Amino acid sequence: MPVSATSAAKLREAMARLLAGEPLHTDGALSQENLAREVQVTRSAQVPPSSSRVG
């Protein structure tokens, strides 16, 4: 399922904050859970890692 342009932008902004050490909503550790918190979505709303995709 494709990610909307808005969601993609939010993901990029959140990752940039984590990589820069300037998190807004987490302790700054690089993890999928913290990325979801920075984007402010639940982990269940994220696309699964490529290693767990079927097909």
N, C-alpha and C. Protein backbone atom coordinates (compact mmCIF):
# COMPACT_ATOMS: atom_id res chain seq x y z
N MET A 1 0.85 -1.17 0.00
CA MET A 1 0.00 0.00 0.00
C MET A 1 0.90 1.24 0.00
N PRO A 2 0.68 2.16 -0.93
CA PRO A 2 1.51 3.36 -0.98
C PRO A 2 1.23 4.29 0.21
N VAL A 3 2.23 5.05 0.56
CA VAL A 3 2.12 6.02 1.64
C VAL A 3 1.76 7.37 1.02
N SER A 4 0.85 8.09 1.64
CA SER A 4 0.46 9.40 1.11
C SER A 4 1.63 10.38 1.20
N ALA A 5 1.57 11.41 0.39
CA ALA A 5 2.63 12.43 0.40
C ALA A 5 2.74 13.08 1.77
N THR A 6 1.62 13.30 2.43
CA THR A 6 1.63 13.91 3.76
C THR A 6 2.31 12.99 4.77
N SER A 7 1.96 11.70 4.73
CA SER A 7 2.58 10.74 5.65
C SER A 7 4.07 10.60 5.38
N ALA A 8 4.45 10.56 4.11
CA ALA A 8 5.86 10.45 3.76
C ALA A 8 6.64 11.66 4.28
N ALA A 9 6.07 12.84 4.16
CA ALA A 9 6.73 14.05 4.65
C ALA A 9 6.88 14.00 6.17
N LYS A 10 5.84 13.55 6.86
CA LYS A 10 5.91 13.44 8.33
C LYS A 10 6.98 12.44 8.75
N LEU A 11 7.08 11.33 8.03
CA LEU A 11 8.10 10.32 8.33
C LEU A 11 9.50 10.90 8.12
N ARG A 12 9.71 11.60 7.01
CA ARG A 12 11.02 12.19 6.76
C ARG A 12 11.38 13.23 7.82
N GLU A 13 10.43 14.06 8.20
CA GLU A 13 10.68 15.08 9.23
C GLU A 13 11.01 14.43 10.57
N ALA A 14 10.27 13.40 10.93
CA ALA A 14 10.51 12.71 12.20
C ALA A 14 11.88 12.04 12.20
N MET A 15 12.25 11.38 11.09
CA MET A 15 13.55 10.72 11.01
C MET A 15 14.66 11.76 11.08
N ALA A 16 14.48 12.89 10.43
CA ALA A 16 15.49 13.95 10.47
C ALA A 16 15.68 14.44 11.90
N ARG A 17 14.58 14.60 12.65
CA ARG A 17 14.70 15.04 14.05
C ARG A 17 15.46 14.01 14.87
N LEU A 18 15.15 12.72 14.68
CA LEU A 18 15.84 11.68 15.44
C LEU A 18 17.32 11.65 15.09
N LEU A 19 17.64 11.72 13.80
CA LEU A 19 19.04 11.67 13.39
C LEU A 19 19.82 12.90 13.84
N ALA A 20 19.15 14.03 13.94
CA ALA A 20 19.80 15.26 14.39
C ALA A 20 19.90 15.35 15.91
N GLY A 21 19.27 14.40 16.61
CA GLY A 21 19.29 14.44 18.07
C GLY A 21 18.37 15.50 18.64
N GLU A 22 17.29 15.81 17.90
CA GLU A 22 16.35 16.84 18.33
C GLU A 22 14.92 16.31 18.35
N PRO A 23 14.67 15.23 19.09
CA PRO A 23 13.32 14.66 19.11
C PRO A 23 12.34 15.57 19.85
N LEU A 24 11.09 15.49 19.45
CA LEU A 24 10.03 16.26 20.11
C LEU A 24 9.19 15.40 21.05
N HIS A 25 9.07 14.10 20.75
CA HIS A 25 8.13 13.25 21.49
C HIS A 25 8.74 11.99 22.08
N THR A 26 10.09 11.84 21.99
CA THR A 26 10.73 10.61 22.47
C THR A 26 12.03 10.94 23.18
N ASP A 27 12.73 9.87 23.60
CA ASP A 27 14.04 10.05 24.22
C ASP A 27 15.15 10.17 23.18
N GLY A 28 14.81 10.04 21.90
CA GLY A 28 15.78 10.21 20.83
C GLY A 28 16.45 8.95 20.34
N ALA A 29 16.21 7.82 21.00
CA ALA A 29 16.79 6.56 20.54
C ALA A 29 16.22 6.21 19.16
N LEU A 30 17.08 5.67 18.29
CA LEU A 30 16.63 5.30 16.95
C LEU A 30 15.97 3.93 16.99
N SER A 31 14.65 3.93 16.93
CA SER A 31 13.90 2.69 16.91
C SER A 31 12.61 2.91 16.13
N GLN A 32 12.03 1.81 15.68
CA GLN A 32 10.76 1.91 14.94
C GLN A 32 9.68 2.50 15.84
N GLU A 33 9.68 2.12 17.09
CA GLU A 33 8.69 2.63 18.03
C GLU A 33 8.84 4.15 18.21
N ASN A 34 10.07 4.62 18.37
CA ASN A 34 10.28 6.06 18.53
C ASN A 34 9.95 6.82 17.26
N LEU A 35 10.23 6.23 16.10
CA LEU A 35 9.85 6.88 14.85
C LEU A 35 8.33 7.06 14.80
N ALA A 36 7.60 6.02 15.19
CA ALA A 36 6.14 6.11 15.22
C ALA A 36 5.68 7.20 16.18
N ARG A 37 6.34 7.29 17.33
CA ARG A 37 5.97 8.34 18.30
C ARG A 37 6.28 9.73 17.77
N GLU A 38 7.41 9.87 17.09
CA GLU A 38 7.76 11.17 16.52
C GLU A 38 6.76 11.58 15.44
N VAL A 39 6.30 10.61 14.65
CA VAL A 39 5.32 10.90 13.60
C VAL A 39 3.94 11.06 14.22
N GLN A 40 3.79 10.55 15.43
CA GLN A 40 2.53 10.55 16.18
C GLN A 40 1.47 9.65 15.53
N VAL A 41 1.90 8.42 15.22
CA VAL A 41 0.99 7.36 14.78
C VAL A 41 1.27 6.13 15.62
N THR A 42 0.34 5.20 15.62
CA THR A 42 0.58 3.95 16.33
C THR A 42 1.47 3.06 15.49
N ARG A 43 2.17 2.14 16.13
CA ARG A 43 3.02 1.21 15.38
C ARG A 43 2.20 0.38 14.41
N SER A 44 0.96 0.08 14.75
CA SER A 44 0.12 -0.73 13.85
C SER A 44 -0.21 0.00 12.56
N ALA A 45 -0.07 1.33 12.56
CA ALA A 45 -0.36 2.11 11.36
C ALA A 45 0.83 2.17 10.42
N GLN A 46 1.99 1.70 10.86
CA GLN A 46 3.18 1.74 10.04
C GLN A 46 3.21 0.56 9.07
N VAL A 47 3.93 0.74 7.99
CA VAL A 47 4.17 -0.35 7.05
C VAL A 47 5.17 -1.29 7.70
N PRO A 48 4.93 -2.60 7.63
CA PRO A 48 5.87 -3.55 8.25
C PRO A 48 7.23 -3.49 7.57
N PRO A 49 8.30 -3.86 8.29
CA PRO A 49 9.62 -3.88 7.67
C PRO A 49 9.62 -4.79 6.45
N SER A 50 10.47 -4.51 5.48
CA SER A 50 10.48 -5.27 4.23
C SER A 50 10.73 -6.75 4.45
N SER A 51 11.45 -7.11 5.51
CA SER A 51 11.73 -8.52 5.77
C SER A 51 10.51 -9.31 6.18
N SER A 52 9.43 -8.61 6.60
CA SER A 52 8.23 -9.33 7.02
C SER A 52 7.11 -9.23 5.99
N ARG A 53 7.37 -8.57 4.86
CA ARG A 53 6.35 -8.45 3.82
C ARG A 53 6.21 -9.77 3.07
N VAL A 54 5.02 -10.05 2.67
CA VAL A 54 4.74 -11.26 1.92
C VAL A 54 4.66 -10.89 0.45
N GLY A 55 5.27 -11.71 -0.41
CA GLY A 55 5.12 -11.51 -1.84
C GLY A 55 6.30 -10.92 -2.41
